[in-house]
Amino acid sequence: MASRNLAENPYEKLANAIVLQAVSDYRAALKKVKKNPKNRDAIDGVLQIEKFFRSEWYQVLTSVDGEYLIDRFGKEVSETK
């Protein structure tokens, strides 16, 4: 019996897509906050996504450390012009 590649698992694909969308949304929200620090919608978006990155649900979806992502993308956005 041939073993299946884990990347072919539809549940894993879905989990990866959820995490990638959160990363994309997080970057966009961070950029909006940087451009306009008083933008409450962007601030709320950042806080909600950070809560997701720290959640048990996030840990079920991936083994990537949520705090690492928060730190990495925070630095990335703060270093851009």
Protein backbone atom coordinates (compact mmCIF):
# COMPACT_ATOMS: atom_id res chain seq x y z
CA MET A 1 0.00 0.00 0.00
CA ALA A 2 1.41 3.37 -0.99
CA SER A 3 1.67 5.96 1.76
CA ARG A 4 -0.11 9.25 1.23
CA ASN A 5 1.70 12.52 1.42
CA LEU A 6 0.35 14.55 4.35
CA ALA A 7 0.13 17.60 2.08
CA GLU A 8 -2.59 15.74 0.16
CA ASN A 9 -4.78 15.52 3.27
CA PRO A 10 -7.75 17.84 2.66
CA TYR A 11 -8.04 18.67 6.37
CA GLU A 12 -4.41 19.68 6.51
CA LYS A 13 -4.88 21.80 3.38
CA LEU A 14 -7.83 23.52 5.02
CA ALA A 15 -5.89 24.12 8.25
CA ASN A 16 -3.00 25.60 6.26
CA ALA A 17 -5.36 27.84 4.30
CA ILE A 18 -6.91 29.16 7.54
CA VAL A 19 -3.51 29.98 9.00
CA LEU A 20 -2.25 31.59 5.77
CA GLN A 21 -5.38 33.76 5.58
CA ALA A 22 -4.87 34.86 9.19
CA VAL A 23 -1.25 35.77 8.39
CA SER A 24 -2.35 37.77 5.35
CA ASP A 25 -5.07 39.55 7.33
CA TYR A 26 -2.63 40.23 10.19
CA ARG A 27 -0.05 41.84 7.90
CA ALA A 28 -2.72 44.01 6.29
CA ALA A 29 -4.11 45.11 9.67
CA LEU A 30 -0.62 45.90 11.00
CA LYS A 31 0.09 48.03 7.92
CA LYS A 32 -3.18 49.92 8.41
CA VAL A 33 -2.32 50.58 12.06
CA LYS A 34 1.15 51.78 11.07
CA LYS A 35 -0.36 54.13 8.48
CA ASN A 36 -3.06 55.38 10.86
CA PRO A 37 -2.43 54.48 14.53
CA LYS A 38 -5.92 55.70 15.51
CA ASN A 39 -7.75 53.34 13.12
CA ARG A 40 -9.91 51.42 15.62
CA ASP A 41 -11.03 48.85 13.07
CA ALA A 42 -7.43 47.98 12.19
CA ILE A 43 -6.43 47.88 15.87
CA ASP A 44 -9.36 45.60 16.64
CA GLY A 45 -8.36 43.38 13.70
CA VAL A 46 -4.80 43.11 14.99
CA LEU A 47 -6.03 42.23 18.48
CA GLN A 48 -8.49 39.62 17.21
CA ILE A 49 -5.88 37.91 15.06
CA GLU A 50 -3.35 37.95 17.89
CA LYS A 51 -6.01 36.30 20.07
CA PHE A 52 -6.43 33.66 17.35
CA PHE A 53 -2.65 33.08 17.16
CA ARG A 54 -2.67 32.46 20.93
CA SER A 55 -5.74 30.22 20.94
CA GLU A 56 -6.07 26.49 21.43
CA TRP A 57 -7.84 26.32 18.06
CA TYR A 58 -4.76 27.77 16.36
CA GLN A 59 -2.60 25.15 18.07
CA VAL A 60 -4.87 22.43 16.68
CA LEU A 61 -4.40 23.81 13.17
CA THR A 62 -0.61 24.13 13.15
CA SER A 63 2.59 23.57 15.07
CA VAL A 64 3.92 27.03 14.15
CA ASP A 65 4.32 29.15 17.29
CA GLY A 66 1.76 31.97 17.25
CA GLU A 67 3.97 34.24 19.36
CA TYR A 68 6.71 33.81 16.77
CA LEU A 69 4.36 35.01 14.02
CA ILE A 70 3.21 37.99 16.07
CA ASP A 71 6.82 38.99 16.73
CA ARG A 72 8.04 38.35 13.20
CA PHE A 73 5.30 40.24 11.37
CA GLY A 74 5.31 43.05 13.91
CA LYS A 75 9.01 43.58 13.23
CA GLU A 76 8.54 43.17 9.49
CA VAL A 77 5.88 45.87 9.31
CA SER A 78 7.67 48.24 11.67
CA GLU A 79 10.84 48.05 9.57
CA THR A 80 9.08 48.90 6.29
CA LYS A 81 8.61 52.47 5.17
